[in-house]
Amino acid sequence: MAGTETIYGVHAIRFMLERHPERVVTVRLAERRDDPRIREIEELARKNSRPVKRVDAQTLKQQLGEVAHQGVVAEIVPLPPWTEDELFEALQKARNPLILVLDGVQDPHNLGACLRTADACGALAVIVPKDRAAQINATVRKVAVGAAETTPVIPVTNLVRTLKVLKDAGLWVVGADAEGPRLAHEVDLTGGIVLALGSEGSGLRHLTRQTCDWMVRLPQLGSVESLNVSVAAGMLLYEAVRQRMG
């Protein structure tokens, strides 16, 4: 359907029906699903006058492929992504903004998990490169459980240029690396901060790393070489929250 996006999963669709029902175009439910969670979705849709259709499970599989749709699919009108101009406009109003940058994270599950934590930690936005990086899709929305509708994702053409503009606006850029010279808690994260994490395999790209004001690492007491990027992002975001609450 032109101008709409497909989302799936009980939690993601329940969130949309509870918070943004006007943006739900239609809901499709698997014919044989009749458990309490599916009935709740159906009742929410009808309560908000959203069309509900029962469809054969095989039809859903043909349309979506091998994804964990949980027997519930919806078409929604997505929020348009923020532009860089909108980001800098929001920065003028924000006090001690916290921004998450994901430099080439390609797994949509990781992007969704990062979005969910960014939302929980009050991040102003998440910035990703337009090329060779995960973008918002149905998988991201399912994993993010609503955070894709509350935390703006900003795809940028030139990540280094964007970071330099953010630095000119008074924010400090803190990059994460397992070999970073300082531990995260040793750096002041209470002001305007950009937290930058790299891809699942190679980490931050060279030019991105050079643009950072500090490189930090997380304490690791075990034998695993590196943390999953969404776990590392969560730990860094909560370190910022810890410092700000303290």
C-alpha atoms as a PDB file:
ATOM      1  CA  MET A   1       0.000   0.000   0.000  1.00  0.00           C
ATOM      2  CA  ALA A   2       1.566   3.301  -1.122  1.00  0.00           C
ATOM      3  CA  GLY A   3       2.701   5.583   1.666  1.00  0.00           C
ATOM      4  CA  THR A   4       2.384   2.913   4.356  1.00  0.00           C
ATOM      5  CA  GLU A   5       4.712   0.485   6.112  1.00  0.00           C
ATOM      6  CA  THR A   6       4.084  -3.033   7.339  1.00  0.00           C
ATOM      7  CA  ILE A   7       4.682  -3.815  11.007  1.00  0.00           C
ATOM      8  CA  TYR A   8       4.162  -7.084  12.835  1.00  0.00           C
ATOM      9  CA  GLY A   9       4.275  -8.549  16.318  1.00  0.00           C
ATOM     10  CA  VAL A  10       1.855  -8.267  19.239  1.00  0.00           C
ATOM     11  CA  HIS A  11       3.736  -5.630  21.239  1.00  0.00           C
ATOM     12  CA  ALA A  12       4.542  -3.329  18.311  1.00  0.00           C
ATOM     13  CA  ILE A  13       0.951  -3.294  17.040  1.00  0.00           C
ATOM     14  CA  ARG A  14      -0.604  -2.952  20.483  1.00  0.00           C
ATOM     15  CA  PHE A  15       1.645   0.080  21.066  1.00  0.00           C
ATOM     16  CA  MET A  16       0.447   1.695  17.837  1.00  0.00           C
ATOM     17  CA  LEU A  17      -3.226   1.026  18.614  1.00  0.00           C
ATOM     18  CA  GLU A  18      -2.848   2.431  22.124  1.00  0.00           C
ATOM     19  CA  ARG A  19      -0.702   5.473  21.318  1.00  0.00           C
ATOM     20  CA  HIS A  20      -1.202   6.306  17.639  1.00  0.00           C
ATOM     21  CA  PRO A  21      -4.406   4.603  16.409  1.00  0.00           C
ATOM     22  CA  GLU A  22      -4.976   7.302  13.792  1.00  0.00           C
ATOM     23  CA  ARG A  23      -1.862   6.054  11.961  1.00  0.00           C
ATOM     24  CA  VAL A  24      -3.005   2.427  11.787  1.00  0.00           C
ATOM     25  CA  VAL A  25      -4.558   1.811   8.360  1.00  0.00           C
ATOM     26  CA  THR A  26      -5.562  -1.833   8.748  1.00  0.00           C
ATOM     27  CA  VAL A  27      -4.891  -4.828  11.000  1.00  0.00           C
ATOM     28  CA  ARG A  28      -4.638  -8.432   9.798  1.00  0.00           C
ATOM     29  CA  LEU A  29      -4.952 -11.356  12.195  1.00  0.00           C
ATOM     30  CA  ALA A  30      -4.214 -15.022  11.555  1.00  0.00           C
ATOM     31  CA  GLU A  31      -7.492 -16.946  11.307  1.00  0.00           C
ATOM     32  CA  ARG A  32      -6.687 -19.575  13.932  1.00  0.00           C
ATOM     33  CA  ARG A  33      -5.194 -17.260  16.543  1.00  0.00           C
ATOM     34  CA  ASP A  34      -7.761 -16.647  19.278  1.00  0.00           C
ATOM     35  CA  ASP A  35      -5.734 -16.240  22.468  1.00  0.00           C
ATOM     36  CA  PRO A  36      -6.159 -13.301  24.913  1.00  0.00           C
ATOM     37  CA  ARG A  37      -3.369 -11.204  23.341  1.00  0.00           C
ATOM     38  CA  ILE A  38      -4.877 -11.460  19.861  1.00  0.00           C
ATOM     39  CA  ARG A  39      -8.371 -10.707  21.214  1.00  0.00           C
ATOM     40  CA  GLU A  40      -6.936  -7.602  22.903  1.00  0.00           C
ATOM     41  CA  ILE A  41      -5.470  -6.427  19.586  1.00  0.00           C
ATOM     42  CA  GLU A  42      -8.821  -7.022  17.863  1.00  0.00           C
ATOM     43  CA  GLU A  43     -10.747  -5.137  20.563  1.00  0.00           C
ATOM     44  CA  LEU A  44      -8.328  -2.193  20.452  1.00  0.00           C
ATOM     45  CA  ALA A  45      -8.628  -1.984  16.679  1.00  0.00           C
ATOM     46  CA  ARG A  46     -12.429  -2.057  16.731  1.00  0.00           C
ATOM     47  CA  LYS A  47     -12.561   0.415  19.630  1.00  0.00           C
ATOM     48  CA  ASN A  48     -10.500   2.836  17.516  1.00  0.00           C
ATOM     49  CA  SER A  49     -12.512   2.109  14.343  1.00  0.00           C
ATOM     50  CA  ARG A  50      -9.546   0.504  12.587  1.00  0.00           C
ATOM     51  CA  PRO A  51     -10.375  -2.147   9.948  1.00  0.00           C
ATOM     52  CA  VAL A  52      -9.601  -5.714  11.059  1.00  0.00           C
ATOM     53  CA  LYS A  53      -9.290  -8.677   8.706  1.00  0.00           C
ATOM     54  CA  ARG A  54      -8.845 -12.353   9.464  1.00  0.00           C
ATOM     55  CA  VAL A  55      -6.465 -13.979   6.981  1.00  0.00           C
ATOM     56  CA  ASP A  56      -5.014 -17.422   6.424  1.00  0.00           C
ATOM     57  CA  ALA A  57      -1.663 -17.955   8.172  1.00  0.00           C
ATOM     58  CA  GLN A  58      -0.165 -19.214   4.923  1.00  0.00           C
ATOM     59  CA  THR A  59      -1.089 -15.921   3.261  1.00  0.00           C
ATOM     60  CA  LEU A  60       0.800 -14.016   5.957  1.00  0.00           C
ATOM     61  CA  LYS A  61       3.819 -16.257   5.435  1.00  0.00           C
ATOM     62  CA  GLN A  62       3.732 -15.666   1.674  1.00  0.00           C
ATOM     63  CA  GLN A  63       3.513 -11.894   2.170  1.00  0.00           C
ATOM     64  CA  LEU A  64       6.075 -11.536   4.964  1.00  0.00           C
ATOM     65  CA  GLY A  65       8.420 -14.493   4.567  1.00  0.00           C
ATOM     66  CA  GLU A  66       9.966 -16.323   7.503  1.00  0.00           C
ATOM     67  CA  VAL A  67       9.497 -13.705  10.228  1.00  0.00           C
ATOM     68  CA  ALA A  68       8.072 -14.029  13.731  1.00  0.00           C
ATOM     69  CA  HIS A  69       4.875 -12.091  13.040  1.00  0.00           C
ATOM     70  CA  GLN A  70       2.979 -13.780  15.921  1.00  0.00           C
ATOM     71  CA  GLY A  71      -0.173 -13.892  13.818  1.00  0.00           C
ATOM     72  CA  VAL A  72      -0.719 -10.129  13.769  1.00  0.00           C
ATOM     73  CA  VAL A  73       0.255  -7.669  11.030  1.00  0.00           C
ATOM     74  CA  ALA A  74      -0.687  -4.039  10.400  1.00  0.00           C
ATOM     75  CA  GLU A  75      -0.235  -1.356   7.789  1.00  0.00           C
ATOM     76  CA  ILE A  76       0.669   1.993   9.322  1.00  0.00           C
ATOM     77  CA  VAL A  77       1.438   5.503   8.158  1.00  0.00           C
ATOM     78  CA  PRO A  78       5.067   5.947   9.298  1.00  0.00           C
ATOM     79  CA  LEU A  79       6.499   9.055  10.866  1.00  0.00           C
ATOM     80  CA  PRO A  80       8.782  10.782   8.368  1.00  0.00           C
ATOM     81  CA  PRO A  81      12.452  10.627   9.435  1.00  0.00           C
ATOM     82  CA  TRP A  82      13.915  13.816  10.819  1.00  0.00           C
ATOM     83  CA  THR A  83      16.191  15.859   8.609  1.00  0.00           C
ATOM     84  CA  GLU A  84      19.442  17.297   9.926  1.00  0.00           C
ATOM     85  CA  ASP A  85      17.777  20.723   9.974  1.00  0.00           C
ATOM     86  CA  GLU A  86      15.062  19.384  12.286  1.00  0.00           C
ATOM     87  CA  LEU A  87      17.721  17.862  14.535  1.00  0.00           C
ATOM     88  CA  PHE A  88      19.571  21.155  14.896  1.00  0.00           C
ATOM     89  CA  GLU A  89      16.301  22.967  15.508  1.00  0.00           C
ATOM     90  CA  ALA A  90      15.547  20.522  18.338  1.00  0.00           C
ATOM     91  CA  LEU A  91      19.049  21.024  19.736  1.00  0.00           C
ATOM     92  CA  GLN A  92      18.290  24.716  20.275  1.00  0.00           C
ATOM     93  CA  LYS A  93      15.509  23.761  22.696  1.00  0.00           C
ATOM     94  CA  ALA A  94      17.199  20.810  24.398  1.00  0.00           C
ATOM     95  CA  ARG A  95      19.093  21.013  27.681  1.00  0.00           C
ATOM     96  CA  ASN A  96      22.144  18.732  27.814  1.00  0.00           C
ATOM     97  CA  PRO A  97      20.996  16.650  24.823  1.00  0.00           C
ATOM     98  CA  LEU A  98      22.050  13.019  24.504  1.00  0.00           C
ATOM     99  CA  ILE A  99      22.387  11.623  20.982  1.00  0.00           C
ATOM    100  CA  LEU A 100      23.266   8.085  19.903  1.00  0.00           C
ATOM    101  CA  VAL A 101      25.244   7.531  16.691  1.00  0.00           C
ATOM    102  CA  LEU A 102      25.454   4.057  15.140  1.00  0.00           C
ATOM    103  CA  ASP A 103      28.242   3.973  12.565  1.00  0.00           C
ATOM    104  CA  GLY A 104      27.350   1.183  10.162  1.00  0.00           C
ATOM    105  CA  VAL A 105      25.292  -1.131  12.378  1.00  0.00           C
ATOM    106  CA  GLN A 106      23.712  -3.503   9.854  1.00  0.00           C
ATOM    107  CA  ASP A 107      21.614  -5.903  11.926  1.00  0.00           C
ATOM    108  CA  PRO A 108      18.037  -4.567  12.228  1.00  0.00           C
ATOM    109  CA  HIS A 109      17.646  -6.420  15.534  1.00  0.00           C
ATOM    110  CA  ASN A 110      20.569  -4.422  16.949  1.00  0.00           C
ATOM    111  CA  LEU A 111      19.142  -1.143  15.633  1.00  0.00           C
ATOM    112  CA  GLY A 112      15.760  -1.957  17.194  1.00  0.00           C
ATOM    113  CA  ALA A 113      17.340  -2.837  20.544  1.00  0.00           C
ATOM    114  CA  CYS A 114      19.438   0.357  20.488  1.00  0.00           C
ATOM    115  CA  LEU A 115      16.339   2.416  19.733  1.00  0.00           C
ATOM    116  CA  ARG A 116      14.470   0.878  22.646  1.00  0.00           C
ATOM    117  CA  THR A 117      17.260   1.722  25.083  1.00  0.00           C
ATOM    118  CA  ALA A 118      17.790   5.185  23.589  1.00  0.00           C
ATOM    119  CA  ASP A 119      14.121   5.923  24.213  1.00  0.00           C
ATOM    120  CA  ALA A 120      14.337   4.634  27.801  1.00  0.00           C
ATOM    121  CA  CYS A 121      17.364   6.856  28.445  1.00  0.00           C
ATOM    122  CA  GLY A 122      15.801  10.005  27.016  1.00  0.00           C
ATOM    123  CA  ALA A 123      18.021  10.288  23.939  1.00  0.00           C
ATOM    124  CA  LEU A 124      17.048  13.130  21.637  1.00  0.00           C
ATOM    125  CA  ALA A 125      17.689  11.119  18.470  1.00  0.00           C
ATOM    126  CA  VAL A 126      19.592   8.242  16.867  1.00  0.00           C
ATOM    127  CA  ILE A 127      21.787   9.019  13.859  1.00  0.00           C
ATOM    128  CA  VAL A 128      22.735   6.401  11.249  1.00  0.00           C
ATOM    129  CA  PRO A 129      24.495   6.579   7.876  1.00  0.00           C
ATOM    130  CA  LYS A 130      22.219   6.325   4.840  1.00  0.00           C
ATOM    131  CA  ASP A 131      24.440   3.721   3.190  1.00  0.00           C
ATOM    132  CA  ARG A 132      25.612   0.297   4.379  1.00  0.00           C
ATOM    133  CA  ALA A 133      23.636   0.490   7.624  1.00  0.00           C
ATOM    134  CA  ALA A 134      20.304  -0.789   8.915  1.00  0.00           C
ATOM    135  CA  GLN A 135      17.338   1.540   8.414  1.00  0.00           C
ATOM    136  CA  ILE A 136      13.873   1.527   9.958  1.00  0.00           C
ATOM    137  CA  ASN A 137      11.854  -1.482   8.792  1.00  0.00           C
ATOM    138  CA  ALA A 138       9.306  -3.912  10.191  1.00  0.00           C
ATOM    139  CA  THR A 139      11.928  -5.949  12.054  1.00  0.00           C
ATOM    140  CA  VAL A 140      13.360  -2.818  13.703  1.00  0.00           C
ATOM    141  CA  ARG A 141       9.876  -1.698  14.721  1.00  0.00           C
ATOM    142  CA  LYS A 142       9.062  -5.096  16.240  1.00  0.00           C
ATOM    143  CA  VAL A 143      12.266  -5.209  18.304  1.00  0.00           C
ATOM    144  CA  ALA A 144      11.981  -1.538  19.313  1.00  0.00           C
ATOM    145  CA  VAL A 145       8.425  -2.098  20.667  1.00  0.00           C
ATOM    146  CA  GLY A 146       7.240   1.456  20.006  1.00  0.00           C
ATOM    147  CA  ALA A 147      10.556   3.289  20.351  1.00  0.00           C
ATOM    148  CA  ALA A 148      10.720   3.718  16.564  1.00  0.00           C
ATOM    149  CA  GLU A 149       7.642   5.908  16.970  1.00  0.00           C
ATOM    150  CA  THR A 150       9.057   8.057  19.784  1.00  0.00           C
ATOM    151  CA  THR A 151      12.791   8.438  19.131  1.00  0.00           C
ATOM    152  CA  PRO A 152      13.647  10.061  15.791  1.00  0.00           C
ATOM    153  CA  VAL A 153      16.060   8.176  13.537  1.00  0.00           C
ATOM    154  CA  ILE A 154      18.079  10.463  11.282  1.00  0.00           C
ATOM    155  CA  PRO A 155      19.806   8.945   8.235  1.00  0.00           C
ATOM    156  CA  VAL A 156      22.714  11.159   7.126  1.00  0.00           C
ATOM    157  CA  THR A 157      24.783  11.126   3.947  1.00  0.00           C
ATOM    158  CA  ASN A 158      28.086  12.131   5.579  1.00  0.00           C
ATOM    159  CA  LEU A 159      28.367  11.017   9.196  1.00  0.00           C
ATOM    160  CA  VAL A 160      31.694  12.741   9.875  1.00  0.00           C
ATOM    161  CA  ARG A 161      30.361  16.061   8.599  1.00  0.00           C
ATOM    162  CA  THR A 162      27.293  15.701  10.844  1.00  0.00           C
ATOM    163  CA  LEU A 163      29.503  14.958  13.865  1.00  0.00           C
ATOM    164  CA  LYS A 164      31.594  18.056  13.160  1.00  0.00           C
ATOM    165  CA  VAL A 165      28.450  20.194  12.984  1.00  0.00           C
ATOM    166  CA  LEU A 166      27.288  18.730  16.310  1.00  0.00           C
ATOM    167  CA  LYS A 167      30.691  19.585  17.822  1.00  0.00           C
ATOM    168  CA  ASP A 168      30.388  23.128  16.506  1.00  0.00           C
ATOM    169  CA  ALA A 169      26.999  23.266  18.252  1.00  0.00           C
ATOM    170  CA  GLY A 170      28.740  22.573  21.568  1.00  0.00           C
ATOM    171  CA  LEU A 171      28.332  18.805  21.947  1.00  0.00           C
ATOM    172  CA  TRP A 172      31.173  16.439  22.855  1.00  0.00           C
ATOM    173  CA  VAL A 173      31.570  13.266  20.821  1.00  0.00           C
ATOM    174  CA  VAL A 174      32.444  10.136  22.806  1.00  0.00           C
ATOM    175  CA  GLY A 175      33.360   7.044  20.816  1.00  0.00           C
ATOM    176  CA  ALA A 176      33.268   3.497  22.134  1.00  0.00           C
ATOM    177  CA  ASP A 177      36.034   0.979  21.526  1.00  0.00           C
ATOM    178  CA  ALA A 178      37.171  -2.108  23.415  1.00  0.00           C
ATOM    179  CA  GLU A 179      40.704  -0.648  23.412  1.00  0.00           C
ATOM    180  CA  GLY A 180      39.657   2.879  24.408  1.00  0.00           C
ATOM    181  CA  PRO A 181      42.211   4.589  26.691  1.00  0.00           C
ATOM    182  CA  ARG A 182      39.630   5.654  29.291  1.00  0.00           C
ATOM    183  CA  LEU A 183      36.811   3.863  31.063  1.00  0.00           C
ATOM    184  CA  ALA A 184      33.353   5.286  30.341  1.00  0.00           C
ATOM    185  CA  HIS A 185      32.767   6.424  33.930  1.00  0.00           C
ATOM    186  CA  GLU A 186      35.993   8.492  33.811  1.00  0.00           C
ATOM    187  CA  VAL A 187      34.528  10.844  31.178  1.00  0.00           C
ATOM    188  CA  ASP A 188      31.948  13.518  32.023  1.00  0.00           C
ATOM    189  CA  LEU A 189      28.724  12.580  30.219  1.00  0.00           C
ATOM    190  CA  THR A 190      26.465  15.129  31.916  1.00  0.00           C
ATOM    191  CA  GLY A 191      26.470  17.841  29.236  1.00  0.00           C
ATOM    192  CA  GLY A 192      25.532  17.751  25.575  1.00  0.00           C
ATOM    193  CA  ILE A 193      26.903  14.383  24.483  1.00  0.00           C
ATOM    194  CA  VAL A 194      27.030  12.268  21.327  1.00  0.00           C
ATOM    195  CA  LEU A 195      27.734   8.586  21.990  1.00  0.00           C
ATOM    196  CA  ALA A 196      29.162   6.888  18.894  1.00  0.00           C
ATOM    197  CA  LEU A 197      29.338   3.116  18.419  1.00  0.00           C
ATOM    198  CA  GLY A 198      30.584   1.207  15.404  1.00  0.00           C
ATOM    199  CA  SER A 199      29.464  -1.778  13.390  1.00  0.00           C
ATOM    200  CA  GLU A 200      29.108  -5.292  14.756  1.00  0.00           C
ATOM    201  CA  GLY A 201      32.361  -6.471  13.185  1.00  0.00           C
ATOM    202  CA  SER A 202      34.865  -3.672  12.665  1.00  0.00           C
ATOM    203  CA  GLY A 203      33.687  -1.005  15.103  1.00  0.00           C
ATOM    204  CA  LEU A 204      33.953   2.707  14.368  1.00  0.00           C
ATOM    205  CA  ARG A 205      35.376   3.668  10.998  1.00  0.00           C
ATOM    206  CA  HIS A 206      38.735   5.461  10.993  1.00  0.00           C
ATOM    207  CA  LEU A 207      37.405   8.936  10.119  1.00  0.00           C
ATOM    208  CA  THR A 208      34.605   8.643  12.669  1.00  0.00           C
ATOM    209  CA  ARG A 209      37.120   7.641  15.325  1.00  0.00           C
ATOM    210  CA  GLN A 210      39.327  10.622  14.446  1.00  0.00           C
ATOM    211  CA  THR A 211      36.357  12.966  14.905  1.00  0.00           C
ATOM    212  CA  CYS A 212      35.658  11.789  18.482  1.00  0.00           C
ATOM    213  CA  ASP A 213      36.792  13.949  21.394  1.00  0.00           C
ATOM    214  CA  TRP A 214      37.284  10.886  23.614  1.00  0.00           C
ATOM    215  CA  MET A 215      37.470   7.146  23.083  1.00  0.00           C
ATOM    216  CA  VAL A 216      36.170   5.083  25.986  1.00  0.00           C
ATOM    217  CA  ARG A 217      35.820   1.429  26.846  1.00  0.00           C
ATOM    218  CA  LEU A 218      33.506  -0.513  29.113  1.00  0.00           C
ATOM    219  CA  PRO A 219      34.974  -2.593  31.931  1.00  0.00           C
ATOM    220  CA  GLN A 220      35.165  -6.267  30.945  1.00  0.00           C
ATOM    221  CA  LEU A 221      36.114  -8.915  33.484  1.00  0.00           C
ATOM    222  CA  GLY A 222      35.433 -11.997  31.365  1.00  0.00           C
ATOM    223  CA  SER A 223      37.178 -13.576  28.397  1.00  0.00           C
ATOM    224  CA  VAL A 224      34.810 -12.499  25.584  1.00  0.00           C
ATOM    225  CA  GLU A 225      36.600 -10.021  23.330  1.00  0.00           C
ATOM    226  CA  SER A 226      33.759  -7.569  22.744  1.00  0.00           C
ATOM    227  CA  LEU A 227      30.145  -6.888  23.628  1.00  0.00           C
ATOM    228  CA  ASN A 228      27.183  -6.944  21.255  1.00  0.00           C
ATOM    229  CA  VAL A 229      26.713  -3.383  19.951  1.00  0.00           C
ATOM    230  CA  SER A 230      23.200  -3.040  21.385  1.00  0.00           C
ATOM    231  CA  VAL A 231      24.426  -4.193  24.811  1.00  0.00           C
ATOM    232  CA  ALA A 232      27.351  -1.776  24.690  1.00  0.00           C
ATOM    233  CA  ALA A 233      25.042   1.064  23.601  1.00  0.00           C
ATOM    234  CA  GLY A 234      22.724   0.288  26.502  1.00  0.00           C
ATOM    235  CA  MET A 235      25.566   0.297  29.024  1.00  0.00           C
ATOM    236  CA  LEU A 236      26.934   3.610  27.752  1.00  0.00           C
ATOM    237  CA  LEU A 237      23.511   5.249  27.633  1.00  0.00           C
ATOM    238  CA  TYR A 238      22.787   4.170  31.194  1.00  0.00           C
ATOM    239  CA  GLU A 239      26.209   5.402  32.331  1.00  0.00           C
ATOM    240  CA  ALA A 240      25.183   8.800  30.976  1.00  0.00           C
ATOM    241  CA  VAL A 241      21.861   8.554  32.797  1.00  0.00           C
ATOM    242  CA  ARG A 242      23.620   7.506  36.013  1.00  0.00           C
ATOM    243  CA  GLN A 243      25.902  10.527  35.883  1.00  0.00           C
ATOM    244  CA  ARG A 244      23.040  12.888  35.097  1.00  0.00           C
ATOM    245  CA  MET A 245      20.902  11.580  37.943  1.00  0.00           C
ATOM    246  CA  GLY A 246      23.853  11.758  40.327  1.00  0.00           C
END
